[in-house]
Structures are given as structure tokens and as C-alpha cells.
Amino acid sequence: MGVPNQEVEVKADRLLLRRIRRQLRKENAFVHLLRVVTSASNESSTIEEALQTTLDAVCGLTGWPVGHALLRIDEKDELASARLWHLDGPERFESFRKISEALTFGGGVGLPGRVLAGGAPIWVSDVTMDTNFPRNRMVHDLGLKTAFAFPILVGREVAGVLEFFHTEKVEPDEAILMIMKQVGVQLGRVVERRRAEQTLISLAQGISPKQGEDLFRSLVLHLAKSVKADYALVGELKEGKDAIRTLAVSAQGEIAPNFEYDLAGTPCEAVIGRTFCSHPRDVQEKFPRDRMLVDMKVQSYVGTPLFDSHGRVLGLLVALWCRPPANMQVANSMIQIFAVRAAAELERKRAEETAEKLAEVPRANPHPVLEFSGDGTLRFCNAAAHVLARSLGKDDPIHILPADTAGIVRKCLDTGKNGLVVGTPGDNRTVIWSFIPIVKNDSVFAHAFELTLFLDLHEEMRRIGAVSRRSRGGGHAHGLRGGSGRRPSKERVH
């Protein structure tokens, strides 16, 4: 009686061993599939190449004859065919391919639409009995029976869907669906990388040629589009450093009017304090004093400071969402990429404004001001310099310059020190020239002050004082011997 029992036990052990071996082969196949997809995700130059590799690998693993890739349409909650297939017997499924490529699937519509809406894999054991399957009649005629589909995920966003069909009825396999979910995550990285590349290309082509206001407007529009933000703005810090003046604002894909706002009680306050800030959700609750967040119905916030080349904060770049974005990590990275260009342009804008202000100073100066290039060439002279030249009988200020002006300019730039020169461009006329180097710009400013009137007044005061002392002291005045005529101009100075 013991032998039959032993035989049963042996058979049971063999059956268990075969099941274990089948399970190990299946698990090894899944591991191999993930390796193939990971390799394709890292090495493929295009998303299409990675998708085609995945379609072929999944169909090869499962033995299913039909695989199809769909991608999300930009700015829409719809899927369209990527025109990528794995077909065992292309002629047999040609009509199915044509119909599928002509359709789009909104959220919840058909098998791809349900995956788009739910963000999770779906298995349909009998598509011919599925009431939410627009291609129902087509699959019935072709003998397709079972289908499953899974999402391509970028964070929580469904960027695409892969669907597969079998001619036989197959019961749901949770292990396959679990592996396919991981495959979708890997493919999402390819989509994410391509989006980043396209954004950078767009940034270079659409923004680089622009400057000033046009650049800032283009930048916030591109930023909002790339991270799917409801709002984006670039602003500069006002003089008191307690408020922001926006330079460009994108609101729901359109340029909105600029405005100013106080920093106190806002998430931007920390950004201006030199900190990158990311609030994936509930930003209103974190900053209850910021009424603008409430009015705009903002839930998520990312902001980064804009630094100049010396590390000083000039302003900020901000993106805001009414609903939390699907992938906050991508948004954080993208805004910092855009911030580099925004900061450079803001620094250029500040430098240009400063140069314009400085340029107005010599023009408005009532005293003669002249600017020389590094080789001593006269670049600019204001109206007062022309008046001085005409008073000396010259038609151009270049004719009243001190001797060896070019050498003086060069010496000032070489040493970085100011120069002082006294000249006598006309009879009994004395002019003192102050040369101030701007080494960074390879230029020197010269300020001219005529001392003739001052020296004449000083001499007259000395004469009056001498006469007064002589009248009080018997007609002798110390220091006055001989006539009262003026001494040569150089003696006056020294």
C-alpha cells in the first residue's frame, strides 16, 4: 500500500517542480524584458525607436500578435496613433491598422482612453463583448479576442499608451500587468528626455535672438508651455528690495499686463532671500497672507532667484499651477534652466540702464566733460566743452586739449589712477584737467575747470587787502614790491 502513495508523491513533486521551473522561466523573461526596455530607453536617439523596441519585445515575450503605440496629443487630453506597430501577419491586420491610426481617443473612450483616464494598466478578456470599444466590430471580424494596455508615465501624467491584442481568449495575468507598469515608467523617461530636448531647442530658437521686453515675454510663454503651468512670470527686485516689478507675465497661455506686488507674506519672499522654492501643493494654506494666490486659485508654486555675475539677486522667475503638476521634479529642473537666460538678460538690462544714466551725466554737466578711448581718440564732448573751445577762439574742443593727451589717457588706464594736468590754452587763461579712467570700458573721462576767473578774483582780493594794509600801516605792504600786475598763470597755480 505504501508504493502507490510514494508514486503519487513523486508525481506531485514533479508537477510542482515543473511549475516552479515555468515560473522561473517567466520571471527570467520579465527580467530580460525590463533590461531590453531600460537599454532602449537609455540608448535610443528617439522615442519612436524606444517604442518600437518595446512593442517587439513585449510581443516576443507574450506571444501576442498585435502591439500598437499611441502618444498624447500636445495640450489635449487625447491619444493618437504613433503609427508604430508589431504585427504578426501585416496583411491580415492591415484594415485594423488603418482604422486605429485614423482614430483619436479621449479620456475614458475605448481601451486607450480608459488607460489615459485612470493611469493604470487594463486587461479585457473579451473585447468583442466590451461596450466601450469603438473598434469592436473590426476586432470581431479579424478574430481578435483579448487585449491589455498600459500607460507611459511621466510622473503621474499619462504621456502615451501601449495596447496589445491576442486572437484567443486569455484570462488576466496580474504578473504581466505589474511588469508592464514598470515598462511604462521606463518609457516615460524617454518621453521626458525628448520633451526637455525640444524645450531647449525651442528656447534657443525662439528666445535667443530676442532682447529686452520681447525676450522676457517669449521666455515666460515658453516656460509655461514646457511645464504646463497656468501662470509664469519674471520680475525684478525694486530699489527698496521689498517688492517685485514684473517684466513679463503669462496667464493661461497669453501675455498679461505687468504689475507690482509686495514680497512680505509671499513665497517669493524666500526666493529673493536667495533660496529656490518648490511647493508641490497647498501653497495657499502655507501663505495665507498672499491674496494673489487665492485670487488666481493657485495650488502649486515654483520660484528661483535670478543672480547677476557677482552673485547679487536681481529678481526672480516663477511658475504657478491651479492644480498640482504631474511631474514637479521636471518643473523644478526646467525653471532653473530658463532662469539662466532670464538672469543674463536682466543683468544686461540693468547694465544698459546704468550706462544710459551715466551717459546723461556728462551731457547735463554744466562743466566741460570729454570721453577718450584707450588710444586717446576723442569719443564724446558735451555742450559745455564746445562753449569753452569757442571762448578760446577754437572751433572744436580737440584744439584746447593739453599736450600729449593720448599719453595721459594711456597712463591713467595702465595705472588705474586719476590724472591732473594744468594747461594754458590761451593768453591769461588757465584750465585744470582731471582725467578719470574707466578701466573696464577702456575709456577715460576728462573734466575741465577753467581757473582764470577764480585766479583773477583771488588776485583782486589780494590787491584790495594789500591796499588796506598799506593805508593802515603808513603806505607799506609786505609782499608787494613793485607793480600790482598779475603773475604768470602757472605761478598762480603753484
Protein backbone atom coordinates (compact mmCIF):
# COMPACT_ATOMS: atom_id res chain seq x y z
CA MET A 1 0.00 0.00 0.00
CA GLY A 2 2.99 2.28 0.51
CA VAL A 3 4.25 2.12 -3.10
CA PRO A 4 1.24 3.79 -4.76
CA ASN A 5 1.39 6.61 -2.22
CA GLN A 6 5.05 7.12 -2.99
CA GLU A 7 4.30 7.27 -6.72
CA VAL A 8 1.62 9.91 -6.11
CA GLU A 9 4.04 11.93 -4.05
CA VAL A 10 6.71 11.69 -6.76
CA LYS A 11 4.27 12.83 -9.43
CA ALA A 12 3.15 15.73 -7.25
CA ASP A 13 6.76 16.72 -6.69
CA ARG A 14 7.47 16.59 -10.42
CA LEU A 15 4.38 18.69 -11.14
CA LEU A 16 5.44 21.24 -8.54
CA LEU A 17 8.96 21.27 -9.97
CA ARG A 18 7.63 21.91 -13.48
CA ARG A 19 5.51 24.78 -12.13
CA ILE A 20 8.50 26.24 -10.34
CA ARG A 21 10.60 25.96 -13.49
CA ARG A 22 7.87 27.60 -15.55
CA GLN A 23 7.60 30.40 -13.01
CA LEU A 24 11.37 30.89 -13.00
CA ARG A 25 11.46 30.99 -16.81
CA LYS A 26 8.64 33.52 -16.76
CA GLU A 27 10.37 35.66 -14.16
CA ASN A 28 13.65 35.46 -16.09
CA ALA A 29 11.79 36.52 -19.22
CA PHE A 30 10.34 39.51 -17.34
CA VAL A 31 13.80 40.48 -16.11
CA HIS A 32 15.13 40.22 -19.66
CA LEU A 33 12.25 42.39 -20.91
CA LEU A 34 12.99 45.11 -18.36
CA ARG A 35 16.66 45.03 -19.35
CA VAL A 36 15.78 45.42 -23.02
CA VAL A 37 13.41 48.31 -22.32
CA THR A 38 15.87 50.01 -19.97
CA SER A 39 18.62 49.72 -22.56
CA ALA A 40 16.32 51.08 -25.28
CA SER A 41 15.28 53.96 -23.00
CA ASN A 42 18.88 54.94 -22.33
CA GLU A 43 20.38 54.38 -25.77
CA SER A 44 17.63 55.19 -28.28
CA SER A 45 18.04 58.51 -30.03
CA THR A 46 14.26 58.95 -30.49
CA ILE A 47 11.11 57.99 -28.61
CA GLU A 48 9.92 56.16 -31.72
CA GLU A 49 12.93 53.87 -31.63
CA ALA A 50 12.39 53.01 -27.97
CA LEU A 51 8.67 52.36 -28.52
CA GLN A 52 9.28 50.05 -31.47
CA THR A 53 11.83 48.07 -29.49
CA THR A 54 9.37 47.72 -26.62
CA LEU A 55 6.49 46.62 -28.87
CA ASP A 56 8.64 43.90 -30.41
CA ALA A 57 10.00 42.77 -27.04
CA VAL A 58 6.58 42.54 -25.35
CA CYS A 59 5.03 40.66 -28.26
CA GLY A 60 8.05 38.35 -28.35
CA LEU A 61 7.72 37.63 -24.63
CA THR A 62 3.95 37.11 -24.53
CA GLY A 63 3.44 35.64 -27.99
CA TRP A 64 0.66 38.15 -28.69
CA PRO A 65 0.41 39.01 -32.42
CA VAL A 66 -0.55 42.70 -32.31
CA GLY A 67 1.08 45.61 -30.49
CA HIS A 68 0.34 49.31 -31.04
CA ALA A 69 1.72 52.56 -29.59
CA LEU A 70 -0.28 55.76 -29.05
CA LEU A 71 1.01 59.13 -27.81
CA ARG A 72 -0.74 62.00 -26.13
CA ILE A 73 -1.58 64.97 -28.34
CA ASP A 74 0.11 68.17 -27.12
CA GLU A 75 -2.11 70.38 -24.96
CA LYS A 76 -5.03 67.92 -25.30
CA ASP A 77 -6.46 65.13 -23.19
CA GLU A 78 -6.43 62.79 -26.18
CA LEU A 79 -4.35 59.98 -27.62
CA ALA A 80 -3.45 59.46 -31.27
CA SER A 81 -1.61 56.65 -33.02
CA ALA A 82 2.17 56.97 -33.15
CA ARG A 83 1.97 54.75 -36.30
CA LEU A 84 4.23 52.22 -34.62
CA TRP A 85 3.19 48.55 -34.66
CA HIS A 86 4.21 44.97 -34.11
CA LEU A 87 2.11 42.81 -36.43
CA ASP A 88 2.41 39.06 -36.95
CA GLY A 89 0.95 38.94 -40.45
CA PRO A 90 0.70 42.62 -41.53
CA GLU A 91 -1.70 41.81 -44.40
CA ARG A 92 -4.24 40.22 -42.08
CA PHE A 93 -4.36 43.22 -39.73
CA GLU A 94 -3.95 45.98 -42.38
CA SER A 95 -7.55 47.20 -42.08
CA PHE A 96 -7.30 47.26 -38.26
CA ARG A 97 -4.13 49.30 -38.52
CA LYS A 98 -5.71 51.88 -40.85
CA ILE A 99 -8.81 52.30 -38.68
CA SER A 100 -6.75 52.61 -35.48
CA GLU A 101 -4.45 55.23 -37.00
CA ALA A 102 -7.44 57.31 -38.11
CA LEU A 103 -8.97 57.50 -34.61
CA THR A 104 -8.21 59.61 -31.57
CA PHE A 105 -9.14 58.51 -28.05
CA GLY A 106 -10.25 60.99 -25.41
CA GLY A 107 -10.14 60.25 -21.71
CA GLY A 108 -12.36 57.27 -20.93
CA VAL A 109 -13.07 56.40 -24.58
CA GLY A 110 -12.10 52.88 -25.66
CA LEU A 111 -9.28 50.85 -24.18
CA PRO A 112 -6.57 53.54 -24.68
CA GLY A 113 -8.86 56.28 -23.35
CA ARG A 114 -9.63 54.33 -20.17
CA VAL A 115 -5.91 53.89 -19.52
CA LEU A 116 -5.42 57.62 -20.19
CA ALA A 117 -8.12 58.49 -17.66
CA GLY A 118 -7.09 56.01 -14.98
CA GLY A 119 -3.31 55.99 -15.36
CA ALA A 120 -3.14 52.21 -14.75
CA PRO A 121 -2.94 49.00 -16.86
CA ILE A 122 -6.21 47.40 -18.03
CA TRP A 123 -6.92 43.84 -19.17
CA VAL A 124 -10.02 42.98 -21.27
CA SER A 125 -10.60 39.23 -21.62
CA ASP A 126 -13.13 39.58 -24.47
CA VAL A 127 -13.09 42.84 -26.44
CA THR A 128 -15.94 41.64 -28.65
CA MET A 129 -18.25 41.87 -25.64
CA ASP A 130 -16.88 45.22 -24.43
CA THR A 131 -19.43 48.03 -24.87
CA ASN A 132 -16.73 50.72 -24.58
CA PHE A 133 -14.61 49.63 -27.53
CA PRO A 134 -15.08 51.74 -30.72
CA ARG A 135 -13.26 49.13 -32.84
CA ASN A 136 -15.49 46.30 -31.58
CA ARG A 137 -16.79 45.21 -34.99
CA MET A 138 -13.34 45.35 -36.54
CA VAL A 139 -11.71 43.09 -33.92
CA HIS A 140 -14.63 40.67 -34.18
CA ASP A 141 -14.15 40.30 -37.94
CA LEU A 142 -10.39 39.82 -37.52
CA GLY A 143 -10.76 37.28 -34.75
CA LEU A 144 -9.05 39.40 -32.08
CA LYS A 145 -10.30 38.40 -28.66
CA THR A 146 -8.23 39.62 -25.69
CA ALA A 147 -6.48 42.92 -25.11
CA PHE A 148 -4.42 44.66 -22.47
CA ALA A 149 -2.92 48.14 -22.37
CA PHE A 150 -0.66 50.09 -20.03
CA PRO A 151 0.33 53.78 -19.68
CA ILE A 152 3.62 55.50 -20.47
CA LEU A 153 4.07 57.55 -17.32
CA VAL A 154 5.95 60.84 -16.84
CA GLY A 155 5.45 61.31 -13.12
CA ARG A 156 1.68 60.99 -12.75
CA GLU A 157 0.98 62.15 -16.30
CA VAL A 158 -0.01 59.63 -18.96
CA ALA A 159 2.16 60.56 -21.94
CA GLY A 160 1.11 57.60 -24.08
CA VAL A 161 -0.37 54.10 -24.12
CA LEU A 162 0.77 50.72 -25.49
CA GLU A 163 -2.01 48.24 -26.36
CA PHE A 164 -1.73 44.55 -27.29
CA PHE A 165 -4.19 42.04 -28.79
CA HIS A 166 -4.48 38.24 -28.93
CA THR A 167 -6.65 36.04 -31.16
CA GLU A 168 -7.51 33.75 -28.26
CA LYS A 169 -9.29 34.44 -25.01
CA VAL A 170 -6.72 34.87 -22.25
CA GLU A 171 -7.53 35.36 -18.59
CA PRO A 172 -5.97 38.35 -16.78
CA ASP A 173 -2.35 37.90 -15.72
CA GLU A 174 -1.54 40.20 -12.82
CA ALA A 175 2.19 39.45 -13.11
CA ILE A 176 2.25 40.71 -16.70
CA LEU A 177 0.33 43.86 -15.79
CA MET A 178 2.71 44.55 -12.92
CA ILE A 179 5.75 44.24 -15.20
CA MET A 180 4.11 46.36 -17.89
CA LYS A 181 3.60 49.14 -15.36
CA GLN A 182 7.37 49.20 -14.82
CA VAL A 183 7.93 49.19 -18.56
CA GLY A 184 5.68 52.25 -18.84
CA VAL A 185 7.73 54.09 -16.23
CA GLN A 186 10.95 53.35 -18.13
CA LEU A 187 9.45 54.61 -21.39
CA GLY A 188 8.27 57.73 -19.58
CA ARG A 189 11.89 58.69 -19.04
CA VAL A 190 12.45 58.69 -22.80
CA VAL A 191 9.44 60.96 -23.30
CA GLU A 192 10.66 63.22 -20.50
CA ARG A 193 14.11 63.46 -22.08
CA ARG A 194 12.68 64.26 -25.50
CA ARG A 195 10.47 66.98 -24.05
CA ALA A 196 13.46 68.54 -22.34
CA GLU A 197 15.45 68.46 -25.59
CA GLN A 198 12.57 70.01 -27.53
CA THR A 199 12.17 72.69 -24.89
CA LEU A 200 15.87 73.58 -25.04
CA ILE A 201 15.77 73.72 -28.85
CA SER A 202 12.68 75.91 -28.68
CA LEU A 203 14.38 78.06 -26.07
CA ALA A 204 17.43 78.52 -28.29
CA GLN A 205 15.48 79.18 -31.49
CA GLY A 206 12.60 81.19 -30.11
CA ILE A 207 14.28 83.23 -27.40
CA SER A 208 17.98 83.70 -28.16
CA PRO A 209 17.58 86.28 -30.95
CA LYS A 210 15.37 88.46 -28.74
CA GLN A 211 16.28 91.07 -26.16
CA GLY A 212 14.56 93.11 -23.51
CA GLU A 213 10.79 93.01 -23.25
CA ASP A 214 10.40 90.67 -26.24
CA LEU A 215 12.75 88.13 -24.68
CA PHE A 216 11.02 88.18 -21.29
CA ARG A 217 7.61 87.70 -22.92
CA SER A 218 8.83 84.83 -25.07
CA LEU A 219 10.58 83.26 -22.09
CA VAL A 220 7.51 83.14 -19.80
CA LEU A 221 5.35 81.76 -22.63
CA HIS A 222 7.86 79.00 -23.38
CA LEU A 223 8.30 78.21 -19.69
CA ALA A 224 4.55 77.97 -19.05
CA LYS A 225 4.10 75.71 -22.05
CA SER A 226 7.03 73.42 -21.22
CA VAL A 227 5.89 72.74 -17.63
CA LYS A 228 2.14 73.13 -18.33
CA ALA A 229 1.87 75.99 -15.82
CA ASP A 230 -1.23 78.18 -15.62
CA TYR A 231 0.91 81.22 -14.85
CA ALA A 232 4.56 82.20 -15.24
CA LEU A 233 6.26 85.48 -14.52
CA VAL A 234 9.68 87.09 -14.46
CA GLY A 235 10.20 90.08 -12.18
CA GLU A 236 12.92 92.41 -10.98
CA LEU A 237 13.56 93.47 -7.42
CA LYS A 238 12.62 97.09 -6.76
CA GLU A 239 15.05 99.56 -5.21
CA GLY A 240 13.82 99.07 -1.65
CA LYS A 241 14.13 95.27 -2.03
CA ASP A 242 10.67 94.78 -0.53
CA ALA A 243 8.64 94.48 -3.73
CA ILE A 244 8.72 92.97 -7.22
CA ARG A 245 8.04 94.70 -10.53
CA THR A 246 7.10 92.12 -13.18
CA LEU A 247 8.76 92.32 -16.60
CA ALA A 248 6.53 89.74 -18.31
CA VAL A 249 3.54 87.64 -17.22
CA SER A 250 1.98 84.60 -18.89
CA ALA A 251 -1.59 83.81 -17.82
CA GLN A 252 -3.36 80.79 -19.34
CA GLY A 253 -1.08 80.90 -22.39
CA GLU A 254 -1.46 84.66 -23.03
CA ILE A 255 0.66 87.68 -22.14
CA ALA A 256 -0.97 89.63 -19.31
CA PRO A 257 -0.30 93.21 -18.10
CA ASN A 258 2.64 93.77 -15.77
CA PHE A 259 2.09 94.68 -12.12
CA GLU A 260 3.90 95.21 -8.82
CA TYR A 261 3.46 93.35 -5.53
CA ASP A 262 4.94 93.38 -2.03
CA LEU A 263 7.11 90.45 -1.01
CA ALA A 264 6.01 90.22 2.63
CA GLY A 265 3.99 87.10 3.34
CA THR A 266 4.50 85.56 -0.11
CA PRO A 267 6.52 82.51 -1.20
CA CYS A 268 8.57 84.93 -3.33
CA GLU A 269 9.98 86.46 -0.15
CA ALA A 270 12.07 83.34 0.46
CA VAL A 271 13.14 83.25 -3.20
CA ILE A 272 14.53 86.78 -3.00
CA GLY A 273 16.30 85.59 0.12
CA ARG A 274 18.47 83.54 -2.28
CA THR A 275 16.53 80.27 -1.97
CA PHE A 276 14.99 78.07 -4.66
CA CYS A 277 11.43 77.30 -3.52
CA SER A 278 9.10 74.49 -4.61
CA HIS A 279 5.64 73.95 -3.12
CA PRO A 280 4.00 70.99 -4.91
CA ARG A 281 0.61 71.60 -3.29
CA ASP A 282 -1.37 73.64 -0.71
CA VAL A 283 0.67 76.81 -1.24
CA GLN A 284 -2.35 78.96 -0.27
CA GLU A 285 -2.50 77.31 3.15
CA LYS A 286 1.22 77.87 3.67
CA PHE A 287 1.00 81.58 2.77
CA PRO A 288 -2.45 82.76 3.93
CA ARG A 289 -1.47 86.46 3.70
CA ASP A 290 -0.84 86.20 -0.04
CA ARG A 291 -4.23 87.19 -1.50
CA MET A 292 -2.92 86.95 -5.05
CA LEU A 293 -2.59 83.16 -4.68
CA VAL A 294 -6.24 82.99 -3.62
CA ASP A 295 -7.45 85.24 -6.44
CA MET A 296 -5.54 83.21 -9.03
CA LYS A 297 -6.65 79.89 -7.42
CA VAL A 298 -3.04 78.73 -7.27
CA GLN A 299 -2.23 75.43 -5.55
CA SER A 300 1.39 74.79 -6.63
CA TYR A 301 4.39 77.15 -6.83
CA VAL A 302 7.98 77.04 -8.04
CA GLY A 303 10.29 80.04 -7.88
CA THR A 304 14.01 80.61 -8.36
CA PRO A 305 16.15 83.72 -7.78
CA LEU A 306 17.91 85.43 -10.67
CA PHE A 307 21.54 86.26 -9.85
CA ASP A 308 23.94 88.60 -11.61
CA SER A 309 27.55 87.64 -12.34
CA HIS A 310 28.59 88.87 -8.86
CA GLY A 311 26.02 86.69 -7.05
CA ARG A 312 23.60 89.52 -6.27
CA VAL A 313 19.86 88.83 -6.52
CA LEU A 314 18.30 90.87 -9.33
CA GLY A 315 14.84 89.32 -9.46
CA LEU A 316 13.00 86.00 -9.76
CA LEU A 317 11.34 83.56 -12.14
CA VAL A 318 8.11 81.88 -11.03
CA ALA A 319 5.68 79.23 -12.33
CA LEU A 320 2.25 78.59 -10.77
CA TRP A 321 -0.41 75.91 -11.21
CA CYS A 322 -4.09 75.80 -10.29
CA ARG A 323 -3.73 72.01 -9.97
CA PRO A 324 -0.54 70.22 -8.90
CA PRO A 325 1.60 69.36 -11.97
CA ALA A 326 2.05 65.74 -12.96
CA ASN A 327 5.83 65.88 -12.53
CA MET A 328 7.12 68.50 -10.12
CA GLN A 329 10.71 67.30 -10.48
CA VAL A 330 10.68 68.13 -14.18
CA ALA A 331 9.15 71.54 -13.44
CA ASN A 332 11.88 72.26 -10.87
CA SER A 333 14.59 71.42 -13.39
CA MET A 334 13.05 73.33 -16.29
CA ILE A 335 12.55 76.56 -14.38
CA GLN A 336 16.21 76.58 -13.37
CA ILE A 337 17.22 76.09 -17.00
CA PHE A 338 15.09 79.06 -18.06
CA ALA A 339 16.43 81.10 -15.12
CA VAL A 340 19.95 81.14 -16.60
CA ARG A 341 18.76 83.02 -19.70
CA ALA A 342 16.43 85.27 -17.70
CA ALA A 343 19.20 86.27 -15.28
CA ALA A 344 21.63 87.07 -18.10
CA GLU A 345 19.07 89.28 -19.83
CA LEU A 346 18.09 91.02 -16.60
CA GLU A 347 21.75 91.78 -15.88
CA ARG A 348 22.17 93.11 -19.42
CA LYS A 349 19.07 95.27 -18.96
CA ARG A 350 20.40 96.69 -15.69
CA ALA A 351 23.81 97.41 -17.23
CA GLU A 352 22.19 99.14 -20.20
CA GLU A 353 20.03 101.29 -17.92
CA THR A 354 23.07 102.21 -15.82
CA ALA A 355 25.04 103.12 -18.93
CA GLU A 356 22.19 105.32 -20.14
CA LYS A 357 22.06 107.11 -16.80
CA LEU A 358 25.82 107.60 -16.79
CA ALA A 359 25.69 108.87 -20.35
CA GLU A 360 23.22 111.56 -19.29
CA VAL A 361 25.53 112.81 -16.53
CA PRO A 362 28.18 114.35 -18.80
CA ARG A 363 25.55 115.78 -21.13
CA ALA A 364 23.79 117.57 -18.29
CA ASN A 365 27.03 118.67 -16.57
CA PRO A 366 27.46 122.48 -16.71
CA HIS A 367 31.23 122.00 -16.85
CA PRO A 368 33.12 120.63 -19.87
CA VAL A 369 33.24 116.81 -19.98
CA LEU A 370 35.06 114.75 -22.62
CA GLU A 371 35.45 110.98 -23.13
CA PHE A 372 38.52 109.32 -24.69
CA SER A 373 39.03 105.76 -25.93
CA GLY A 374 42.07 103.77 -24.84
CA ASP A 375 44.19 105.08 -27.72
CA GLY A 376 43.41 108.71 -26.88
CA THR A 377 40.72 109.22 -29.55
CA LEU A 378 38.06 111.74 -28.52
CA ARG A 379 34.72 109.91 -28.39
CA PHE A 380 32.41 112.47 -26.87
CA CYS A 381 32.30 116.03 -25.59
CA ASN A 382 29.32 117.85 -24.11
CA ALA A 383 27.92 121.27 -24.93
CA ALA A 384 29.94 122.98 -22.19
CA ALA A 385 33.18 121.75 -23.80
CA HIS A 386 32.18 123.39 -27.08
CA VAL A 387 31.38 126.64 -25.25
CA LEU A 388 34.84 126.61 -23.66
CA ALA A 389 36.50 125.98 -27.02
CA ARG A 390 34.64 128.85 -28.69
CA SER A 391 35.55 131.20 -25.83
CA LEU A 392 39.17 130.39 -26.60
CA GLY A 393 38.69 131.08 -30.29
CA LYS A 394 38.68 127.41 -31.33
CA ASP A 395 36.02 125.65 -33.39
CA ASP A 396 36.47 122.23 -31.76
CA PRO A 397 37.34 121.10 -28.18
CA ILE A 398 40.08 118.88 -29.61
CA HIS A 399 42.17 122.04 -30.16
CA ILE A 400 42.20 123.04 -26.49
CA LEU A 401 43.39 119.71 -25.07
CA PRO A 402 46.62 119.60 -23.06
CA ALA A 403 49.77 118.38 -24.76
CA ASP A 404 50.17 114.60 -25.10
CA THR A 405 46.58 113.85 -24.14
CA ALA A 406 46.93 110.35 -25.64
CA GLY A 407 49.87 109.61 -23.32
CA ILE A 408 47.95 110.89 -20.29
CA VAL A 409 44.98 108.65 -21.19
CA ARG A 410 47.20 105.61 -21.61
CA LYS A 411 48.97 106.22 -18.29
CA CYS A 412 45.65 106.55 -16.45
CA LEU A 413 44.42 103.23 -17.89
CA ASP A 414 47.71 101.44 -17.22
CA THR A 415 47.89 102.57 -13.59
CA GLY A 416 44.15 102.79 -12.88
CA LYS A 417 44.78 106.17 -11.23
CA ASN A 418 43.38 109.61 -11.92
CA GLY A 419 45.48 112.25 -13.65
CA LEU A 420 45.60 116.00 -13.04
CA VAL A 421 47.01 118.43 -15.61
CA VAL A 422 47.12 122.24 -15.66
CA GLY A 423 47.07 123.84 -19.09
CA THR A 424 47.16 127.36 -20.55
CA PRO A 425 45.31 127.03 -23.86
CA GLY A 426 45.13 130.84 -24.38
CA ASP A 427 46.57 134.12 -23.19
CA ASN A 428 45.98 134.57 -19.48
CA ARG A 429 43.62 131.52 -19.47
CA THR A 430 44.23 128.61 -17.12
CA VAL A 431 42.35 125.27 -17.30
CA ILE A 432 42.78 122.33 -14.93
CA TRP A 433 42.04 118.90 -16.45
CA SER A 434 41.01 115.94 -14.30
CA PHE A 435 41.36 112.55 -16.09
CA ILE A 436 39.33 109.66 -14.60
CA PRO A 437 39.95 106.13 -16.03
CA ILE A 438 37.17 103.55 -16.52
CA VAL A 439 39.47 100.57 -16.99
CA LYS A 440 36.67 98.03 -17.55
CA ASN A 441 35.40 100.00 -20.56
CA ASP A 442 38.89 101.02 -21.77
CA SER A 443 37.89 104.67 -21.64
CA VAL A 444 38.83 107.85 -19.77
CA PHE A 445 36.62 110.81 -18.83
CA ALA A 446 38.18 114.26 -18.63
CA HIS A 447 36.59 117.11 -16.68
CA ALA A 448 37.79 120.64 -17.46
CA PHE A 449 37.60 123.51 -14.96
CA GLU A 450 38.71 126.98 -16.00
CA LEU A 451 40.56 128.65 -13.17
CA THR A 452 41.09 132.05 -14.84
CA LEU A 453 38.15 133.83 -13.18
CA PHE A 454 38.96 132.27 -9.81
CA LEU A 455 42.59 133.31 -10.04
CA ASP A 456 41.66 136.83 -11.16
CA LEU A 457 39.28 137.14 -8.23
CA HIS A 458 41.92 135.81 -5.86
CA GLU A 459 44.46 138.32 -7.18
CA GLU A 460 41.96 141.15 -6.85
CA MET A 461 41.26 140.18 -3.23
CA ARG A 462 44.99 140.16 -2.52
CA ARG A 463 45.35 143.60 -4.09
CA ILE A 464 42.48 145.02 -2.08
CA GLY A 465 43.91 143.55 1.08
CA ALA A 466 47.34 144.99 0.35
CA VAL A 467 45.92 148.49 -0.26
CA SER A 468 44.00 148.31 3.00
CA ARG A 469 47.05 147.25 4.98
CA ARG A 470 49.12 149.99 3.35
CA SER A 471 46.63 152.67 4.25
CA ARG A 472 46.62 151.50 7.88
CA GLY A 473 50.37 150.95 8.13
CA GLY A 474 51.84 154.01 6.52
CA GLY A 475 51.92 153.05 2.96
CA HIS A 476 53.98 149.87 3.14
CA ALA A 477 52.55 146.50 2.37
CA HIS A 478 54.60 143.36 2.96
CA GLY A 479 54.81 141.09 -0.03
CA LEU A 480 54.04 143.89 -2.58
CA ARG A 481 57.10 145.30 -4.20
CA GLY A 482 56.75 146.99 -7.46
CA GLY A 483 53.56 146.98 -9.61
CA SER A 484 50.29 145.21 -8.99
CA GLY A 485 50.18 143.28 -12.32
CA ARG A 486 49.27 139.57 -12.28
CA ARG A 487 51.89 136.87 -12.17
CA PRO A 488 52.09 134.20 -14.92
CA SER A 489 49.29 131.64 -14.72
CA LYS A 490 51.49 128.72 -13.67
CA GLU A 491 52.70 130.65 -10.65
CA ARG A 492 49.09 131.22 -9.69
CA VAL A 493 48.50 127.52 -9.52
CA HIS A 494 51.64 126.65 -7.63
